[in-house]
Structure formats: structure tokens, C-alpha cells
Amino acid sequence: MLIRIGFEIIVECSAPTPLLLALSPHSSYGGRVIGSDRVRAEPVVPLEEYLDPFDNRRTRVVAPAGRLKLWSDCVVEDEGKPDPFDWNARQLEIAELPFDTLSYLTASRYCEADELVEQAWSLFGETPPGWARVQAICNWVHNHLTFGYHFGRPTKTAVDALRERTGVCRDFAQLSIALCRAMNIPARYASGYLGDIGVPPSGAGDFCAWFEAYLGNRWHTFDARYNTPRIGRVLMVRGRDAADVAMITSFGSYDLEFFRVWTDELDPASDDALLDLLKARPDAPALTLAPIASRSSPVPS
């Protein structure tokens, strides 16, 4: 399966402003990429790519005063299979866990696991440990939170989402993470592209947040918002919570003028011209994008 992914973001700065961007596919992404998946800028300014402590590909740029367009457009090859499911994946005891998973057991900026221990155990203490327990957490979060873009805010934590019973994708993910950690299950935040492949259209494109839980000696993908295996996830970032993987971290003020994201399955028979363009000129701007409604929020949902 071929999936076209990309974004276009326009920011306006009153003065030169350093930005750290988390807008590239993750360094562990193993799919074939046609074209370039790097962040590009108009006007042309220096862009420096580096790996952060979570192996996320980050980009550093100093946005000049005025308008700056940031964009990327490429095609990735995906197996076209839903998220893997392993009901037999077991929960490891703390003493069995690899050392590099232990930091995902404790509270973090947006995931106050220490404040949810009593409630988590009262809700899920009778569930079988392992996949069934994580799935029970996903079911509960999915059924008790109401999704809506107007419910999102940059300062909202897992405890806030639990109290308000509302949120966007990151809130569904972070509440699930906090509840997993409260049950001694390592869990980490993830975000990336997720289009409407194999499901009814849901509106304008956006980035999406989900989470990963460590069971049976590996990390597994879970998504409490949709709560069903999905096709075509393209991982961009991982971290303890959203604080580690902000889409744009600015050292100064800016206005978000425009924001659009696309994640569309391609038909190789009808999109040969596009594929030839991306192969031959990986830095060529997209020429055939259909208009997509802009968003007003600079944070992923």
C-alpha cells in the first residue's frame, strides 16, 4: 500500500524566533519512502536535523521575522495491515522489565500516574494482567471521554481529562498511559500520521496521538480514542508524554496562520505521474493538492 503523507504550516513571527520541530517520521520507521520526508521551508532558511533522547528526528530552525512556510510531502509504503493484536502478551513483573522501560512506569508532566493508583486498581484490579488489562483501560477511556477539538488545550493533563471527561487524541492517550503506569505497566506516548484508510471519512486531516504499552517483551500500539486496530499509522514521535514531543517548540511568540495535514492512500494505477515526480525531484513542491480546511490549533490532536 502506498500512502501520501505531508503537511503545510505557515507561521508569522514579529522577530527572528528559534523553533524546534517534531514533524518528521521517526528514525525507527522502516517503511520505504518515495521522495523526501524532511522538513522544508519557504523562504529558504538553514534547517538542522538531529535525534533527541527518544530517537525522534527533530529539526532546528530560526524563523525569520514575517511569514515562514514549513512543509513536507512524500509517499511511504505500508503493509496495509491493521495494528497487530496479541491477546496472549503477558504483563512482566517489575523485576523482569528491561532497564530502558522503567522510566515509563513513573509520573510525568502530563501523566500523573501517582495520583491515579487507587482509582486505577479499583477499576482494573480484577482484570487479568497483560493485554486484557490494557484493553480494559482503553475500553474505559474510550467510553468515558467525549472527543472534541474544542476540548483541547496545551496544559491539559491526564487528571484534568479524567475530571472533565473530555479531550482530544492526546488526552485519550495520556489518560490511558497514566492508568497503565498506575497498574505497573510501562506506557509511552506516540504521535504521527493516521488517515481514514479502511474507515469512513472523518473530515480534514490532522496528526493523531496514541500510546504504546510494554507487554510480552515488546512495545504494542494501543489507541483509546478509536479503540480498534487501524491501517496506515506512520509514527513520528515517541516520549513520556506530549511535553517530550511538541510539534513546535518556540523560543518566542508566533502566530499560526495556516495548518493542514494529508494522509491519503494512493492508487498506483492513477497516480503514476505523482510518483514519478517525487522519485525524480524529491524536493519538488506538490502540484496537485486539493484544498484542505485549516485548523486553528498548533498542537496535535
Protein backbone atom coordinates (compact mmCIF):
# COMPACT_ATOMS: atom_id res chain seq x y z
CA MET A 1 0.00 0.00 0.00
CA LEU A 2 1.25 3.49 -0.89
CA ILE A 3 0.27 6.42 1.35
CA ARG A 4 0.94 10.05 0.59
CA ILE A 5 1.80 11.96 3.77
CA GLY A 6 2.65 15.58 4.34
CA PHE A 7 1.79 18.89 5.92
CA GLU A 8 1.85 22.61 5.28
CA ILE A 9 2.22 25.01 8.21
CA ILE A 10 2.55 28.79 7.96
CA VAL A 11 3.71 30.80 10.95
CA GLU A 12 4.11 34.56 11.34
CA CYS A 13 6.83 35.93 13.62
CA SER A 14 7.34 39.56 14.67
CA ALA A 15 11.06 38.91 15.22
CA PRO A 16 13.52 36.10 14.46
CA THR A 17 12.35 33.15 16.57
CA PRO A 18 14.13 29.83 17.21
CA LEU A 19 11.86 26.81 16.69
CA LEU A 20 12.35 23.12 17.45
CA LEU A 21 10.14 20.98 15.23
CA ALA A 22 8.93 17.39 15.65
CA LEU A 23 7.49 16.91 12.16
CA SER A 24 9.42 14.02 10.55
CA PRO A 25 8.77 10.27 10.53
CA HIS A 26 10.53 8.55 13.44
CA SER A 27 14.09 7.32 12.97
CA SER A 28 12.84 3.75 13.51
CA TYR A 29 10.28 3.96 10.73
CA GLY A 30 11.15 1.03 8.50
CA GLY A 31 8.90 1.61 5.51
CA ARG A 32 10.15 2.64 2.10
CA VAL A 33 9.94 6.38 1.43
CA ILE A 34 9.47 7.77 -2.08
CA GLY A 35 10.59 11.39 -2.28
CA SER A 36 11.96 13.30 0.71
CA ASP A 37 10.43 13.14 4.18
CA ARG A 38 12.48 16.06 5.51
CA VAL A 39 11.00 19.35 6.69
CA ARG A 40 11.45 22.15 4.16
CA ALA A 41 10.95 25.89 4.45
CA GLU A 42 9.94 28.84 2.28
CA PRO A 43 11.70 31.24 2.22
CA VAL A 44 14.78 29.04 2.33
CA VAL A 45 16.46 29.18 5.75
CA PRO A 46 19.01 26.86 7.40
CA LEU A 47 17.42 23.68 8.80
CA GLU A 48 19.37 21.40 11.15
CA GLU A 49 18.16 17.86 11.83
CA TYR A 50 19.15 15.91 14.95
CA LEU A 51 17.99 12.98 17.09
CA ASP A 52 16.60 13.67 20.56
CA PRO A 53 16.93 11.24 23.53
CA PHE A 54 13.87 9.30 22.30
CA ASP A 55 15.38 8.89 18.79
CA ASN A 56 12.83 11.31 17.36
CA ARG A 57 14.01 13.23 14.32
CA ARG A 58 13.90 16.89 15.25
CA THR A 59 14.58 19.98 13.18
CA ARG A 60 16.01 23.26 14.46
CA VAL A 61 15.28 26.47 12.59
CA VAL A 62 15.35 30.18 13.30
CA ALA A 63 12.16 31.55 11.78
CA PRO A 64 12.79 35.00 10.28
CA ALA A 65 10.54 37.95 11.00
CA GLY A 66 7.47 37.67 8.81
CA ARG A 67 5.84 34.59 7.27
CA LEU A 68 7.52 31.19 7.13
CA LYS A 69 6.02 28.15 5.42
CA LEU A 70 7.10 24.75 6.69
CA TRP A 71 6.13 21.73 4.61
CA SER A 72 6.82 18.16 3.67
CA ASP A 73 5.32 15.87 1.02
CA CYS A 74 6.27 12.28 0.23
CA VAL A 75 4.92 8.78 -0.28
CA VAL A 76 5.52 5.87 2.10
CA GLU A 77 4.98 2.17 1.55
CA ASP A 78 2.90 0.41 4.19
CA GLU A 79 1.95 -3.26 4.61
CA GLY A 80 -1.71 -2.27 4.65
CA LYS A 81 -2.42 -4.37 7.73
CA PRO A 82 -4.26 -3.26 10.90
CA ASP A 83 -2.37 -2.72 14.16
CA PRO A 84 -1.09 -6.10 15.46
CA PHE A 85 -3.16 -7.75 18.19
CA ASP A 86 -1.77 -10.23 20.72
CA TRP A 87 -4.23 -11.23 23.41
CA ASN A 88 -1.61 -13.56 24.93
CA ALA A 89 1.00 -10.84 25.53
CA ARG A 90 1.73 -11.02 29.24
CA GLN A 91 2.48 -8.32 31.77
CA LEU A 92 6.00 -8.58 33.14
CA GLU A 93 6.84 -8.20 36.80
CA ILE A 94 8.85 -5.09 37.68
CA ALA A 95 11.95 -7.21 38.31
CA GLU A 96 11.66 -8.69 34.78
CA LEU A 97 11.37 -5.42 32.88
CA PRO A 98 14.30 -4.17 30.78
CA PHE A 99 16.00 -1.16 32.32
CA ASP A 100 15.07 1.13 29.43
CA THR A 101 11.35 0.63 30.13
CA LEU A 102 11.46 1.65 33.79
CA SER A 103 11.21 5.40 33.15
CA TYR A 104 7.80 4.73 31.56
CA LEU A 105 6.40 3.47 34.88
CA THR A 106 6.52 6.78 36.76
CA ALA A 107 4.58 10.03 36.68
CA SER A 108 5.48 12.67 34.09
CA ARG A 109 4.39 16.22 33.25
CA TYR A 110 1.02 15.28 31.72
CA CYS A 111 0.58 11.75 33.11
CA GLU A 112 0.16 11.91 36.89
CA ALA A 113 0.21 8.15 37.44
CA ASP A 114 0.97 8.59 41.14
CA GLU A 115 -2.36 10.38 41.65
CA LEU A 116 -4.36 7.63 39.94
CA VAL A 117 -3.05 4.48 41.64
CA GLU A 118 -6.02 3.95 43.96
CA GLN A 119 -8.60 4.63 41.25
CA ALA A 120 -6.80 2.50 38.67
CA TRP A 121 -6.65 -0.50 40.93
CA SER A 122 -10.30 -0.12 41.94
CA LEU A 123 -11.30 -0.04 38.25
CA PHE A 124 -8.94 -2.63 36.77
CA GLY A 125 -7.54 -4.66 39.67
CA GLU A 126 -9.82 -7.61 38.87
CA THR A 127 -8.90 -7.74 35.17
CA PRO A 128 -6.36 -10.35 34.01
CA PRO A 129 -2.87 -8.84 33.82
CA GLY A 130 -1.44 -8.41 30.35
CA TRP A 131 -3.20 -7.49 27.11
CA ALA A 132 -6.66 -7.87 28.65
CA ARG A 133 -5.84 -5.28 31.31
CA VAL A 134 -4.52 -2.69 28.83
CA GLN A 135 -7.53 -3.31 26.59
CA ALA A 136 -9.84 -2.81 29.59
CA ILE A 137 -8.15 0.55 30.21
CA CYS A 138 -8.64 1.52 26.56
CA ASN A 139 -12.29 0.48 26.70
CA TRP A 140 -12.90 2.55 29.82
CA VAL A 141 -11.17 5.68 28.49
CA HIS A 142 -12.91 5.32 25.12
CA ASN A 143 -16.32 5.04 26.80
CA HIS A 144 -15.87 7.76 29.43
CA LEU A 145 -14.23 10.60 27.48
CA THR A 146 -16.02 12.69 24.87
CA PHE A 147 -13.87 13.73 21.91
CA GLY A 148 -13.91 17.29 20.54
CA TYR A 149 -11.29 19.72 19.23
CA HIS A 150 -12.75 22.47 21.40
CA PHE A 151 -11.91 20.37 24.48
CA GLY A 152 -8.15 20.50 23.81
CA ARG A 153 -5.69 22.84 25.49
CA PRO A 154 -1.89 22.70 25.83
CA THR A 155 -1.94 22.49 29.65
CA LYS A 156 -4.49 19.67 29.99
CA THR A 157 -3.22 16.65 31.92
CA ALA A 158 -4.47 13.10 32.41
CA VAL A 159 -6.09 14.05 35.71
CA ASP A 160 -7.79 17.01 34.04
CA ALA A 161 -9.14 14.76 31.28
CA LEU A 162 -10.41 12.27 33.86
CA ARG A 163 -12.15 15.01 35.86
CA GLU A 164 -13.63 16.78 32.82
CA ARG A 165 -14.40 13.56 30.88
CA THR A 166 -13.46 15.31 27.61
CA GLY A 167 -10.43 15.64 25.39
CA VAL A 168 -8.65 15.30 22.07
CA CYS A 169 -6.42 12.42 20.94
CA ARG A 170 -3.53 13.38 23.21
CA ASP A 171 -5.86 13.36 26.25
CA PHE A 172 -7.20 9.89 25.44
CA ALA A 173 -3.60 8.70 25.09
CA GLN A 174 -2.25 10.40 28.20
CA LEU A 175 -5.06 9.21 30.47
CA SER A 176 -4.52 5.65 29.20
CA ILE A 177 -0.77 5.99 29.81
CA ALA A 178 -1.28 7.25 33.36
CA LEU A 179 -3.70 4.41 34.18
CA CYS A 180 -1.32 1.81 32.72
CA ARG A 181 1.61 3.15 34.73
CA ALA A 182 -0.56 3.16 37.86
CA MET A 183 -1.06 -0.58 37.19
CA ASN A 184 2.72 -1.14 36.80
CA ILE A 185 2.59 -1.39 33.00
CA PRO A 186 5.21 0.67 31.13
CA ALA A 187 3.44 3.01 28.71
CA ARG A 188 4.66 5.81 26.43
CA TYR A 189 3.15 8.49 24.23
CA ALA A 190 3.23 8.29 20.42
CA SER A 191 2.03 10.52 17.62
CA GLY A 192 2.08 10.61 13.85
CA TYR A 193 0.03 10.32 10.69
CA LEU A 194 -3.19 8.30 10.70
CA GLY A 195 -5.56 8.73 7.77
CA ASP A 196 -9.04 7.42 7.12
CA ILE A 197 -7.87 4.22 5.45
CA GLY A 198 -10.40 1.42 5.74
CA VAL A 199 -12.82 3.59 7.75
CA PRO A 200 -15.44 6.25 6.84
CA PRO A 201 -14.01 9.75 6.20
CA SER A 202 -13.78 11.84 9.39
CA GLY A 203 -13.06 15.30 7.99
CA ALA A 204 -9.95 17.40 7.45
CA GLY A 205 -6.59 15.73 8.04
CA ASP A 206 -4.64 16.10 11.25
CA PHE A 207 -1.87 14.46 13.21
CA CYS A 208 -3.01 11.83 15.70
CA ALA A 209 -1.82 10.68 19.13
CA TRP A 210 -1.93 7.13 20.51
CA PHE A 211 0.17 5.16 23.02
CA GLU A 212 2.35 2.09 23.34
CA ALA A 213 2.39 -0.40 26.24
CA TYR A 214 5.20 -2.82 27.02
CA LEU A 215 3.89 -6.39 27.19
CA GLY A 216 5.49 -9.73 26.43
CA ASN A 217 8.98 -8.28 25.84
CA ARG A 218 7.96 -5.70 23.23
CA TRP A 219 6.06 -2.46 22.74
CA HIS A 220 2.49 -2.69 21.35
CA THR A 221 0.27 0.00 19.83
CA PHE A 222 -3.00 0.93 21.54
CA ASP A 223 -5.43 3.72 20.66
CA ALA A 224 -8.11 4.60 23.20
CA ARG A 225 -9.75 7.23 21.03
CA TYR A 226 -10.65 4.91 18.15
CA ASN A 227 -10.31 1.71 20.20
CA THR A 228 -9.98 -0.50 17.14
CA PRO A 229 -6.96 -1.64 15.07
CA ARG A 230 -6.26 0.88 12.31
CA ILE A 231 -4.38 0.73 8.99
CA GLY A 232 -1.60 3.05 7.92
CA ARG A 233 -0.08 4.58 11.05
CA VAL A 234 3.15 6.43 10.32
CA LEU A 235 4.99 7.05 13.59
CA MET A 236 6.60 10.47 14.01
CA VAL A 237 7.46 10.80 17.70
CA ARG A 238 7.60 8.93 20.99
CA GLY A 239 8.08 10.23 24.54
CA ARG A 240 6.93 10.03 28.14
CA ASP A 241 4.03 12.33 27.27
CA ALA A 242 3.22 15.26 24.97
CA ALA A 243 5.74 17.51 26.73
CA ASP A 244 8.56 15.50 25.13
CA VAL A 245 7.20 15.66 21.58
CA ALA A 246 5.57 19.04 20.96
CA MET A 247 5.03 19.60 17.25
CA ILE A 248 6.50 23.11 17.52
CA THR A 249 8.52 24.35 20.48
CA SER A 250 9.12 28.09 20.14
CA PHE A 251 11.54 30.34 21.99
CA GLY A 252 9.47 33.43 21.36
CA SER A 253 5.97 34.18 20.13
CA TYR A 254 4.46 33.33 16.76
CA ASP A 255 1.04 33.24 15.14
CA LEU A 256 -0.19 30.11 13.40
CA GLU A 257 -1.59 31.33 10.08
CA PHE A 258 -2.30 28.03 8.34
CA PHE A 259 -2.22 24.30 9.16
CA ARG A 260 -3.11 21.30 7.04
CA VAL A 261 -2.14 17.63 7.02
CA TRP A 262 -2.75 14.89 4.47
CA THR A 263 -2.56 11.10 4.80
CA ASP A 264 -4.12 9.56 1.71
CA GLU A 265 -3.92 6.11 0.18
CA LEU A 266 -2.71 6.27 -3.42
CA ASP A 267 -3.89 4.24 -6.35
CA PRO A 268 -0.63 3.37 -8.18
CA ALA A 269 -2.53 2.97 -11.44
CA SER A 270 -3.86 6.54 -11.37
CA ASP A 271 -1.05 8.32 -9.52
CA ASP A 272 1.94 7.34 -11.65
CA ALA A 273 2.66 10.97 -12.57
CA LEU A 274 2.90 11.98 -8.90
CA LEU A 275 5.16 9.04 -8.04
CA ASP A 276 7.43 9.83 -10.99
CA LEU A 277 7.66 13.46 -9.83
CA LEU A 278 8.60 12.50 -6.27
CA LYS A 279 11.16 9.95 -7.42
CA ALA A 280 12.79 12.32 -9.89
CA ARG A 281 12.59 15.51 -7.85
CA PRO A 282 12.26 14.72 -4.13
CA ASP A 283 12.32 18.41 -3.23
CA ALA A 284 9.69 19.43 -5.78
CA PRO A 285 6.63 21.12 -4.27
CA ALA A 286 3.33 19.28 -4.50
CA LEU A 287 1.36 20.37 -7.57
CA THR A 288 -1.97 18.59 -7.22
CA LEU A 289 -3.06 19.02 -3.61
CA ALA A 290 -6.76 19.52 -3.10
CA PRO A 291 -7.67 22.33 -0.68
CA ILE A 292 -7.94 21.16 2.92
CA ALA A 293 -9.58 23.17 5.68
CA SER A 294 -7.09 24.81 8.01
CA ARG A 295 -7.00 24.16 11.75
CA SER A 296 -6.63 26.77 14.46
CA SER A 297 -4.61 24.72 16.97
CA PRO A 298 -0.81 24.29 16.74
CA VAL A 299 -0.82 21.11 18.84
CA PRO A 300 -1.56 17.59 17.57
CA SER A 301 -4.92 16.15 18.47
